[in-house]
Amino acid sequence: MIVRIIVWIIFLFGGAFLGVWIDLHLFGNIFFNLVFHLFTLPAGIFLLNLVFKISKNTGRTLAKYGREGNIPRMQTNKLVRTGIYAYMRHPMHLGLMLFPVSIALIIGSLSFLIIISPLEILLMIILIKLLEEPEAIKKFGQDYINYMKTVPMFCLKPECIKELLKKY
């Protein structure tokens, strides 16, 4: 868990630093453009609010249905297939993928937005496939394999987004 948090911090701060550095060296004029920031800042704040709402909703669902007995906080021992987890396997990760994009918009870094954030999102998807899913298969066995066959990793259909943002 600690390693994953460190990776997130590196993604956000490293991406922001690199994005600003690239902006200043390649797109200096846009980084200091007030009009650009007037558009990106509200969009970034809106997106960041969505990230927090998605994290809160998915976290509550996992806490309510994914825990049985006395286990450590933020751990699950039951496969959750209700709520948003009936529509997609990784709704919290979908929300977290928007985190770098929201930070890029808030700081107004064009390079972070169009180069670094997409690369970080791709890396997150790779990490989910290589780390998260094998861990879930190890933890839940054939139940998770069957779940993978019937529920997509992510779902962007309107009913999925509605469920994702629904107040719990």
C-alpha atoms as a PDB file:
ATOM      1  CA  MET A   1       0.000   0.000   0.000  1.00  0.00           C
ATOM      2  CA  ILE A   2       2.787   2.452   0.923  1.00  0.00           C
ATOM      3  CA  VAL A   3       4.600   1.776  -2.358  1.00  0.00           C
ATOM      4  CA  ARG A   4       1.428   2.584  -4.309  1.00  0.00           C
ATOM      5  CA  ILE A   5       0.982   5.857  -2.449  1.00  0.00           C
ATOM      6  CA  ILE A   6       4.605   6.778  -3.207  1.00  0.00           C
ATOM      7  CA  VAL A   7       4.041   5.974  -6.888  1.00  0.00           C
ATOM      8  CA  TRP A   8       0.990   8.291  -6.896  1.00  0.00           C
ATOM      9  CA  ILE A   9       3.001  11.095  -5.302  1.00  0.00           C
ATOM     10  CA  ILE A  10       5.737  10.650  -7.905  1.00  0.00           C
ATOM     11  CA  PHE A  11       3.120  10.682 -10.684  1.00  0.00           C
ATOM     12  CA  LEU A  12       1.538  13.889  -9.457  1.00  0.00           C
ATOM     13  CA  PHE A  13       4.544  15.903  -8.314  1.00  0.00           C
ATOM     14  CA  GLY A  14       6.934  14.492 -10.899  1.00  0.00           C
ATOM     15  CA  GLY A  15       4.426  15.013 -13.680  1.00  0.00           C
ATOM     16  CA  ALA A  16       3.694  18.552 -12.520  1.00  0.00           C
ATOM     17  CA  PHE A  17       7.374  19.443 -12.228  1.00  0.00           C
ATOM     18  CA  LEU A  18       8.263  17.928 -15.599  1.00  0.00           C
ATOM     19  CA  GLY A  19       5.215  19.494 -17.245  1.00  0.00           C
ATOM     20  CA  VAL A  20       6.053  22.977 -15.973  1.00  0.00           C
ATOM     21  CA  TRP A  21       9.693  22.526 -16.953  1.00  0.00           C
ATOM     22  CA  ILE A  22       8.718  21.527 -20.509  1.00  0.00           C
ATOM     23  CA  ASP A  23       6.169  24.353 -20.678  1.00  0.00           C
ATOM     24  CA  LEU A  24       8.743  26.965 -19.669  1.00  0.00           C
ATOM     25  CA  HIS A  25      11.281  25.676 -22.171  1.00  0.00           C
ATOM     26  CA  LEU A  26       8.978  24.929 -25.105  1.00  0.00           C
ATOM     27  CA  PHE A  27       5.677  26.737 -24.553  1.00  0.00           C
ATOM     28  CA  GLY A  28       6.694  29.585 -22.243  1.00  0.00           C
ATOM     29  CA  ASN A  29       4.093  31.972 -23.590  1.00  0.00           C
ATOM     30  CA  ILE A  30       1.126  29.692 -22.861  1.00  0.00           C
ATOM     31  CA  PHE A  31       2.233  28.942 -19.296  1.00  0.00           C
ATOM     32  CA  PHE A  32       2.041  32.648 -18.445  1.00  0.00           C
ATOM     33  CA  ASN A  33      -1.169  33.262 -20.413  1.00  0.00           C
ATOM     34  CA  LEU A  34      -3.888  34.402 -17.996  1.00  0.00           C
ATOM     35  CA  VAL A  35      -6.730  33.565 -20.413  1.00  0.00           C
ATOM     36  CA  PHE A  36      -5.476  29.977 -20.710  1.00  0.00           C
ATOM     37  CA  HIS A  37      -5.443  29.657 -16.911  1.00  0.00           C
ATOM     38  CA  LEU A  38      -8.933  31.151 -16.629  1.00  0.00           C
ATOM     39  CA  PHE A  39     -10.190  28.192 -18.678  1.00  0.00           C
ATOM     40  CA  THR A  40      -8.035  25.452 -17.209  1.00  0.00           C
ATOM     41  CA  LEU A  41      -8.368  26.305 -13.506  1.00  0.00           C
ATOM     42  CA  PRO A  42     -12.177  25.922 -13.226  1.00  0.00           C
ATOM     43  CA  ALA A  43     -12.054  22.781 -15.383  1.00  0.00           C
ATOM     44  CA  GLY A  44      -9.335  21.346 -13.135  1.00  0.00           C
ATOM     45  CA  ILE A  45     -11.234  22.146  -9.950  1.00  0.00           C
ATOM     46  CA  PHE A  46     -14.397  20.577 -11.382  1.00  0.00           C
ATOM     47  CA  LEU A  47     -12.484  17.441 -12.397  1.00  0.00           C
ATOM     48  CA  LEU A  48     -10.726  17.236  -9.020  1.00  0.00           C
ATOM     49  CA  ASN A  49     -14.129  17.347  -7.299  1.00  0.00           C
ATOM     50  CA  LEU A  50     -15.207  14.426  -9.503  1.00  0.00           C
ATOM     51  CA  VAL A  51     -12.059  12.507  -8.493  1.00  0.00           C
ATOM     52  CA  PHE A  52     -12.888  12.993  -4.806  1.00  0.00           C
ATOM     53  CA  LYS A  53     -16.540  12.078  -5.309  1.00  0.00           C
ATOM     54  CA  ILE A  54     -15.642   8.895  -7.212  1.00  0.00           C
ATOM     55  CA  SER A  55     -13.075   7.922  -4.561  1.00  0.00           C
ATOM     56  CA  LYS A  56     -15.569   8.542  -1.765  1.00  0.00           C
ATOM     57  CA  ASN A  57     -18.358   6.580  -3.478  1.00  0.00           C
ATOM     58  CA  THR A  58     -16.219   3.612  -4.431  1.00  0.00           C
ATOM     59  CA  GLY A  59     -14.483   3.577  -1.053  1.00  0.00           C
ATOM     60  CA  ARG A  60     -17.813   3.502   0.759  1.00  0.00           C
ATOM     61  CA  THR A  61     -19.040   0.667  -1.434  1.00  0.00           C
ATOM     62  CA  LEU A  62     -15.904  -1.363  -0.726  1.00  0.00           C
ATOM     63  CA  ALA A  63     -16.104  -0.630   3.005  1.00  0.00           C
ATOM     64  CA  LYS A  64     -19.761  -1.647   3.147  1.00  0.00           C
ATOM     65  CA  TYR A  65     -19.689  -4.798   1.009  1.00  0.00           C
ATOM     66  CA  GLY A  66     -16.031  -5.837   0.745  1.00  0.00           C
ATOM     67  CA  ARG A  67     -15.177  -6.421   4.385  1.00  0.00           C
ATOM     68  CA  GLU A  68     -16.116  -9.289   6.626  1.00  0.00           C
ATOM     69  CA  GLY A  69     -14.723  -9.731  10.106  1.00  0.00           C
ATOM     70  CA  ASN A  70     -11.968  -7.747  11.745  1.00  0.00           C
ATOM     71  CA  ILE A  71      -9.541  -6.822   8.966  1.00  0.00           C
ATOM     72  CA  PRO A  72      -7.290  -3.765   8.587  1.00  0.00           C
ATOM     73  CA  ARG A  73      -8.786  -0.549   7.277  1.00  0.00           C
ATOM     74  CA  MET A  74      -8.633  -0.155   3.482  1.00  0.00           C
ATOM     75  CA  GLN A  75      -8.457  -3.934   3.040  1.00  0.00           C
ATOM     76  CA  THR A  76     -11.129  -6.185   1.555  1.00  0.00           C
ATOM     77  CA  ASN A  77     -11.764  -9.879   1.868  1.00  0.00           C
ATOM     78  CA  LYS A  78     -14.979 -10.174  -0.150  1.00  0.00           C
ATOM     79  CA  LEU A  79     -15.393  -9.693  -3.875  1.00  0.00           C
ATOM     80  CA  VAL A  80     -17.760  -6.773  -4.442  1.00  0.00           C
ATOM     81  CA  ARG A  81     -20.160  -7.068  -7.380  1.00  0.00           C
ATOM     82  CA  THR A  82     -22.797  -4.552  -6.316  1.00  0.00           C
ATOM     83  CA  GLY A  83     -23.252  -0.869  -7.047  1.00  0.00           C
ATOM     84  CA  ILE A  84     -20.717   0.493  -9.487  1.00  0.00           C
ATOM     85  CA  TYR A  85     -18.744  -2.756  -9.227  1.00  0.00           C
ATOM     86  CA  ALA A  86     -21.557  -4.425 -11.160  1.00  0.00           C
ATOM     87  CA  TYR A  87     -20.654  -2.158 -14.106  1.00  0.00           C
ATOM     88  CA  MET A  88     -16.843  -2.056 -13.967  1.00  0.00           C
ATOM     89  CA  ARG A  89     -14.057  -3.800 -12.098  1.00  0.00           C
ATOM     90  CA  HIS A  90     -11.902  -0.746 -11.352  1.00  0.00           C
ATOM     91  CA  PRO A  91     -14.097   2.309 -10.800  1.00  0.00           C
ATOM     92  CA  MET A  92     -11.771   3.807  -8.180  1.00  0.00           C
ATOM     93  CA  HIS A  93      -8.856   3.554 -10.586  1.00  0.00           C
ATOM     94  CA  LEU A  94     -10.936   5.256 -13.267  1.00  0.00           C
ATOM     95  CA  GLY A  95     -11.422   8.155 -10.894  1.00  0.00           C
ATOM     96  CA  LEU A  96      -7.752   8.188  -9.944  1.00  0.00           C
ATOM     97  CA  MET A  97      -6.788   8.333 -13.616  1.00  0.00           C
ATOM     98  CA  LEU A  98      -8.472  11.720 -13.747  1.00  0.00           C
ATOM     99  CA  PHE A  99      -6.273  12.972 -10.884  1.00  0.00           C
ATOM    100  CA  PRO A 100      -3.201  13.877 -13.013  1.00  0.00           C
ATOM    101  CA  VAL A 101      -5.438  15.496 -15.619  1.00  0.00           C
ATOM    102  CA  SER A 102      -7.132  17.630 -12.954  1.00  0.00           C
ATOM    103  CA  ILE A 103      -3.777  18.704 -11.478  1.00  0.00           C
ATOM    104  CA  ALA A 104      -2.471  19.517 -14.977  1.00  0.00           C
ATOM    105  CA  LEU A 105      -5.515  21.723 -15.559  1.00  0.00           C
ATOM    106  CA  ILE A 106      -5.236  23.403 -12.158  1.00  0.00           C
ATOM    107  CA  ILE A 107      -1.583  24.343 -12.610  1.00  0.00           C
ATOM    108  CA  GLY A 108      -2.204  25.148 -16.276  1.00  0.00           C
ATOM    109  CA  SER A 109       0.552  22.962 -17.690  1.00  0.00           C
ATOM    110  CA  LEU A 110      -0.092  22.171 -21.331  1.00  0.00           C
ATOM    111  CA  SER A 111       2.729  19.588 -21.423  1.00  0.00           C
ATOM    112  CA  PHE A 112       1.425  17.823 -18.321  1.00  0.00           C
ATOM    113  CA  LEU A 113      -2.052  17.819 -19.831  1.00  0.00           C
ATOM    114  CA  ILE A 114      -1.306  16.555 -23.347  1.00  0.00           C
ATOM    115  CA  ILE A 115       1.887  14.522 -22.899  1.00  0.00           C
ATOM    116  CA  ILE A 116       2.532  13.416 -19.325  1.00  0.00           C
ATOM    117  CA  SER A 117      -1.031  12.737 -18.069  1.00  0.00           C
ATOM    118  CA  PRO A 118      -1.874  10.387 -20.963  1.00  0.00           C
ATOM    119  CA  LEU A 119       1.392   8.514 -20.366  1.00  0.00           C
ATOM    120  CA  GLU A 120       0.615   8.247 -16.646  1.00  0.00           C
ATOM    121  CA  ILE A 121      -2.894   6.963 -17.428  1.00  0.00           C
ATOM    122  CA  LEU A 122      -1.423   4.338 -19.763  1.00  0.00           C
ATOM    123  CA  LEU A 123       1.055   3.321 -17.064  1.00  0.00           C
ATOM    124  CA  MET A 124      -1.802   3.040 -14.544  1.00  0.00           C
ATOM    125  CA  ILE A 125      -3.702   0.706 -16.871  1.00  0.00           C
ATOM    126  CA  ILE A 126      -0.577  -1.413 -17.291  1.00  0.00           C
ATOM    127  CA  LEU A 127      -0.084  -1.550 -13.502  1.00  0.00           C
ATOM    128  CA  ILE A 128      -3.702  -2.597 -13.019  1.00  0.00           C
ATOM    129  CA  LYS A 129      -3.273  -5.446 -15.516  1.00  0.00           C
ATOM    130  CA  LEU A 130       0.124  -6.550 -14.201  1.00  0.00           C
ATOM    131  CA  LEU A 131      -0.349  -6.026 -10.437  1.00  0.00           C
ATOM    132  CA  GLU A 132      -3.929  -5.394  -9.325  1.00  0.00           C
ATOM    133  CA  GLU A 133      -5.689  -8.055 -11.360  1.00  0.00           C
ATOM    134  CA  PRO A 134      -3.228 -10.879 -10.538  1.00  0.00           C
ATOM    135  CA  GLU A 135      -3.538  -9.930  -6.839  1.00  0.00           C
ATOM    136  CA  ALA A 136      -7.337 -10.097  -7.101  1.00  0.00           C
ATOM    137  CA  ILE A 137      -7.157 -13.478  -8.834  1.00  0.00           C
ATOM    138  CA  LYS A 138      -4.859 -14.732  -6.071  1.00  0.00           C
ATOM    139  CA  LYS A 139      -7.209 -13.388  -3.393  1.00  0.00           C
ATOM    140  CA  PHE A 140     -10.589 -14.385  -4.893  1.00  0.00           C
ATOM    141  CA  GLY A 141      -9.661 -17.193  -7.301  1.00  0.00           C
ATOM    142  CA  GLN A 142     -12.174 -18.456  -9.846  1.00  0.00           C
ATOM    143  CA  ASP A 143     -14.810 -15.972  -8.632  1.00  0.00           C
ATOM    144  CA  TYR A 144     -12.644 -13.096  -9.839  1.00  0.00           C
ATOM    145  CA  ILE A 145     -11.851 -14.840 -13.121  1.00  0.00           C
ATOM    146  CA  ASN A 146     -15.590 -15.246 -13.734  1.00  0.00           C
ATOM    147  CA  TYR A 147     -16.115 -11.598 -12.735  1.00  0.00           C
ATOM    148  CA  MET A 148     -13.461 -10.558 -15.286  1.00  0.00           C
ATOM    149  CA  LYS A 149     -15.349 -12.426 -18.003  1.00  0.00           C
ATOM    150  CA  THR A 150     -18.626 -10.608 -17.345  1.00  0.00           C
ATOM    151  CA  VAL A 151     -17.620  -7.124 -16.138  1.00  0.00           C
ATOM    152  CA  PRO A 152     -15.261  -4.820 -18.079  1.00  0.00           C
ATOM    153  CA  MET A 153     -12.256  -3.154 -16.495  1.00  0.00           C
ATOM    154  CA  PHE A 154     -13.807   0.275 -17.132  1.00  0.00           C
ATOM    155  CA  CYS A 155     -17.165   1.433 -18.440  1.00  0.00           C
ATOM    156  CA  LEU A 156     -17.933   4.896 -19.786  1.00  0.00           C
ATOM    157  CA  LYS A 157     -21.559   4.294 -20.730  1.00  0.00           C
ATOM    158  CA  PRO A 158     -23.948   6.928 -19.333  1.00  0.00           C
ATOM    159  CA  GLU A 159     -25.553   4.470 -16.894  1.00  0.00           C
ATOM    160  CA  CYS A 160     -22.098   3.540 -15.574  1.00  0.00           C
ATOM    161  CA  ILE A 161     -21.095   7.163 -15.081  1.00  0.00           C
ATOM    162  CA  LYS A 162     -24.434   7.865 -13.393  1.00  0.00           C
ATOM    163  CA  GLU A 163     -23.843   4.964 -10.990  1.00  0.00           C
ATOM    164  CA  LEU A 164     -20.261   6.072 -10.410  1.00  0.00           C
ATOM    165  CA  LEU A 165     -21.340   9.569  -9.370  1.00  0.00           C
ATOM    166  CA  LYS A 166     -24.457   8.513  -7.481  1.00  0.00           C
ATOM    167  CA  LYS A 167     -24.591   9.635  -3.862  1.00  0.00           C
ATOM    168  CA  TYR A 168     -24.244   6.736  -1.430  1.00  0.00           C
END
